[in-house]
Amino acid sequence: MTPANRDPLEPILARASCRAYRSDPLPDGDLDRLIEAMLRAPSAGNRQPWHFLIVRSQELRDQLVEAALGQDFLAQAPVVVVICADAEQSAARYGERGRSLYVLQDTAAATENLLIAATALGYGSCWVGAFDEDRVCAILDLPGRLRPVAMVPIGRPAERLEPSERRPRRDVIETR
């Protein structure tokens, strides 16, 4: 329940991409809350076609930097969550549309829940989608059914976070 004096949209409106992290460890209780936020994401037919890898190992985070085209902030954050899609989990009910679309929508919803929850708990995070999928699969020894679709570093920000500008409403909203 949101306290009466707090705007429930505040974590959404305050969310910003963080690319500099302090080394403070992420307490297990906070990590559990973030995991719960991902697990509560909506999914087509409640198929929940996701798998989340919690990467704390410095060695693995360093390797993920290489796979992510040198985005070194991945190694700075104490935790990187790798969100993976299990396309066959969606396809079992929805066929090709589940395999090619719903699974990506569902994992995107889980990723967004993670970003908002991290902001609400005072952490910085960043949705990283630029990476070599095959390299990430090899680094994390993922089974063939899992496709990494996002990596999200999480930690206390080492920079002031400001939400980026948004396109004007008139450019993106249409009423009919």
Protein backbone atom coordinates (compact mmCIF):
# COMPACT_ATOMS: atom_id res chain seq x y z
CA MET A 1 0.00 0.00 0.00
CA THR A 2 1.33 3.41 -0.96
CA PRO A 3 1.47 5.98 1.85
CA ALA A 4 -1.24 8.63 1.38
CA ASN A 5 1.32 11.41 0.95
CA ARG A 6 3.32 9.68 -1.79
CA ASP A 7 2.49 9.89 -5.48
CA PRO A 8 2.18 6.29 -6.73
CA LEU A 9 3.58 7.36 -10.13
CA GLU A 10 6.73 8.84 -8.59
CA PRO A 11 9.01 5.81 -9.29
CA ILE A 12 7.84 5.77 -12.91
CA LEU A 13 8.34 9.50 -13.39
CA ALA A 14 11.71 9.47 -11.57
CA ARG A 15 13.17 6.45 -13.38
CA ALA A 16 16.36 7.25 -15.27
CA SER A 17 19.14 5.17 -16.80
CA CYS A 18 22.14 4.89 -14.50
CA ARG A 19 25.60 4.28 -15.94
CA ALA A 20 27.77 4.78 -12.83
CA TYR A 21 27.43 2.71 -9.67
CA ARG A 22 28.87 2.61 -6.18
CA SER A 23 30.23 -0.74 -5.08
CA ASP A 24 27.86 -1.11 -2.10
CA PRO A 25 26.44 -4.65 -2.06
CA LEU A 26 22.75 -5.16 -2.72
CA PRO A 27 21.11 -6.57 0.45
CA ASP A 28 19.34 -9.89 -0.05
CA GLY A 29 16.04 -8.42 1.21
CA ASP A 30 16.11 -5.73 -1.46
CA LEU A 31 17.05 -8.26 -4.12
CA ASP A 32 14.11 -10.41 -3.04
CA ARG A 33 11.78 -7.41 -3.50
CA LEU A 34 13.16 -6.79 -6.99
CA ILE A 35 12.69 -10.45 -7.91
CA GLU A 36 9.11 -10.31 -6.63
CA ALA A 37 8.48 -7.27 -8.85
CA MET A 38 9.68 -9.20 -11.91
CA LEU A 39 7.62 -12.25 -11.02
CA ARG A 40 4.48 -10.09 -10.72
CA ALA A 41 4.71 -8.84 -14.31
CA PRO A 42 1.77 -9.63 -16.57
CA SER A 43 2.20 -12.26 -19.25
CA ALA A 44 0.05 -13.57 -22.07
CA GLY A 45 -2.10 -16.40 -20.76
CA ASN A 46 -0.08 -16.22 -17.52
CA ARG A 47 2.58 -18.35 -19.25
CA GLN A 48 5.39 -16.48 -17.42
CA PRO A 49 7.93 -17.35 -20.15
CA TRP A 50 10.92 -15.87 -18.39
CA HIS A 51 14.02 -16.90 -16.55
CA PHE A 52 16.11 -14.47 -14.49
CA LEU A 53 19.81 -14.88 -13.82
CA ILE A 54 21.19 -12.89 -10.89
CA VAL A 55 24.85 -12.24 -11.65
CA ARG A 56 26.94 -11.19 -8.65
CA SER A 57 30.27 -12.67 -9.72
CA GLN A 58 32.76 -9.94 -10.65
CA GLU A 59 34.38 -12.27 -13.16
CA LEU A 60 31.08 -12.89 -14.95
CA ARG A 61 30.12 -9.19 -14.86
CA ASP A 62 33.49 -8.35 -16.44
CA GLN A 63 32.80 -10.87 -19.20
CA LEU A 64 29.32 -9.42 -19.73
CA VAL A 65 30.96 -6.02 -20.35
CA GLU A 66 32.84 -7.57 -23.27
CA ALA A 67 29.64 -9.11 -24.63
CA ALA A 68 27.86 -5.76 -24.21
CA LEU A 69 30.17 -3.85 -26.53
CA GLY A 70 32.28 -2.41 -23.71
CA GLN A 71 29.49 -0.98 -21.54
CA ASP A 72 31.72 -1.04 -18.47
CA PHE A 73 29.05 0.11 -16.01
CA LEU A 74 27.80 -3.50 -16.05
CA ALA A 75 30.89 -4.47 -14.08
CA GLN A 76 30.50 -1.54 -11.63
CA ALA A 77 27.04 -2.52 -10.41
CA PRO A 78 27.02 -5.14 -7.64
CA VAL A 79 24.29 -7.09 -9.43
CA VAL A 80 23.33 -7.61 -13.05
CA VAL A 81 20.00 -9.26 -13.77
CA VAL A 82 19.89 -11.06 -17.10
CA ILE A 83 16.31 -11.43 -18.27
CA CYS A 84 15.83 -14.40 -20.56
CA ALA A 85 12.90 -15.44 -22.72
CA ASP A 86 11.71 -19.02 -23.05
CA ALA A 87 9.88 -18.78 -26.38
CA GLU A 88 8.57 -22.35 -26.27
CA GLN A 89 6.77 -21.59 -23.00
CA SER A 90 4.66 -19.05 -24.92
CA ALA A 91 4.49 -21.09 -28.12
CA ALA A 92 3.00 -24.05 -26.26
CA ARG A 93 -0.23 -22.08 -25.99
CA TYR A 94 -0.01 -19.40 -28.69
CA GLY A 95 2.05 -20.96 -31.46
CA GLU A 96 4.18 -18.69 -33.62
CA ARG A 97 2.69 -15.45 -32.26
CA GLY A 98 3.63 -16.55 -28.73
CA ARG A 99 7.11 -17.56 -29.89
CA SER A 100 7.87 -14.36 -31.81
CA LEU A 101 5.86 -11.65 -30.00
CA TYR A 102 4.23 -12.51 -26.68
CA VAL A 103 7.43 -13.87 -25.15
CA LEU A 104 9.19 -10.56 -25.88
CA GLN A 105 6.28 -8.50 -24.57
CA ASP A 106 6.19 -10.58 -21.40
CA THR A 107 9.91 -10.33 -20.69
CA ALA A 108 9.77 -6.58 -21.45
CA ALA A 109 7.04 -6.21 -18.83
CA ALA A 110 9.20 -8.04 -16.27
CA THR A 111 12.16 -5.83 -17.17
CA GLU A 112 10.11 -2.65 -16.74
CA ASN A 113 8.82 -3.87 -13.38
CA LEU A 114 12.43 -4.38 -12.32
CA LEU A 115 13.44 -0.87 -13.39
CA ILE A 116 10.53 0.77 -11.58
CA ALA A 117 11.01 -1.30 -8.42
CA ALA A 118 14.73 -0.47 -8.39
CA THR A 119 13.90 3.24 -8.60
CA ALA A 120 11.31 2.90 -5.81
CA LEU A 121 13.96 1.28 -3.58
CA GLY A 122 16.52 4.01 -4.32
CA TYR A 123 18.71 2.04 -6.74
CA GLY A 124 20.02 2.97 -10.13
CA SER A 125 19.44 0.67 -13.07
CA CYS A 126 19.72 0.65 -16.85
CA TRP A 127 18.01 -1.44 -19.52
CA VAL A 128 20.85 -2.86 -21.62
CA GLY A 129 19.80 -4.42 -24.89
CA ALA A 130 22.97 -3.89 -26.95
CA PHE A 131 24.94 -7.11 -26.56
CA ASP A 132 26.09 -10.18 -28.43
CA GLU A 133 23.43 -12.78 -27.55
CA ASP A 134 25.60 -15.76 -28.43
CA ARG A 135 28.42 -14.45 -26.24
CA VAL A 136 26.06 -13.90 -23.28
CA CYS A 137 24.69 -17.42 -23.73
CA ALA A 138 28.24 -18.82 -23.67
CA ILE A 139 29.35 -16.74 -20.66
CA LEU A 140 26.34 -17.79 -18.60
CA ASP A 141 26.15 -21.34 -20.03
CA LEU A 142 22.48 -20.87 -20.89
CA PRO A 143 20.44 -23.82 -22.12
CA GLY A 144 19.39 -23.55 -25.77
CA ARG A 145 15.75 -22.78 -24.93
CA LEU A 146 16.67 -19.47 -23.22
CA ARG A 147 17.32 -16.25 -25.12
CA PRO A 148 18.82 -13.30 -23.22
CA VAL A 149 16.77 -10.23 -24.10
CA ALA A 150 17.91 -7.66 -21.52
CA MET A 151 20.60 -7.10 -18.94
CA VAL A 152 19.91 -4.74 -16.04
CA PRO A 153 22.72 -3.59 -13.74
CA ILE A 154 21.43 -2.55 -10.30
CA GLY A 155 23.17 -0.67 -7.54
CA ARG A 156 23.42 2.59 -5.66
CA PRO A 157 24.00 5.36 -8.20
CA ALA A 158 27.39 7.09 -8.26
CA GLU A 159 25.88 9.91 -10.31
CA ARG A 160 22.89 12.21 -10.08
CA LEU A 161 20.06 10.68 -12.07
CA GLU A 162 17.78 12.86 -14.15
CA PRO A 163 15.02 11.45 -16.33
CA SER A 164 15.68 12.09 -20.00
CA GLU A 165 13.44 14.32 -22.05
CA ARG A 166 10.36 12.76 -23.56
CA ARG A 167 8.82 13.49 -26.92
CA PRO A 168 5.96 16.02 -26.76
CA ARG A 169 2.55 14.50 -26.16
CA ARG A 170 1.25 16.03 -29.39
CA ASP A 171 3.76 13.88 -31.30
CA VAL A 172 2.75 10.58 -29.72
CA ILE A 173 -0.86 10.85 -28.54
CA GLU A 174 -3.85 10.72 -30.81
CA THR A 175 -7.46 10.74 -29.69
CA ARG A 176 -10.17 9.35 -31.94
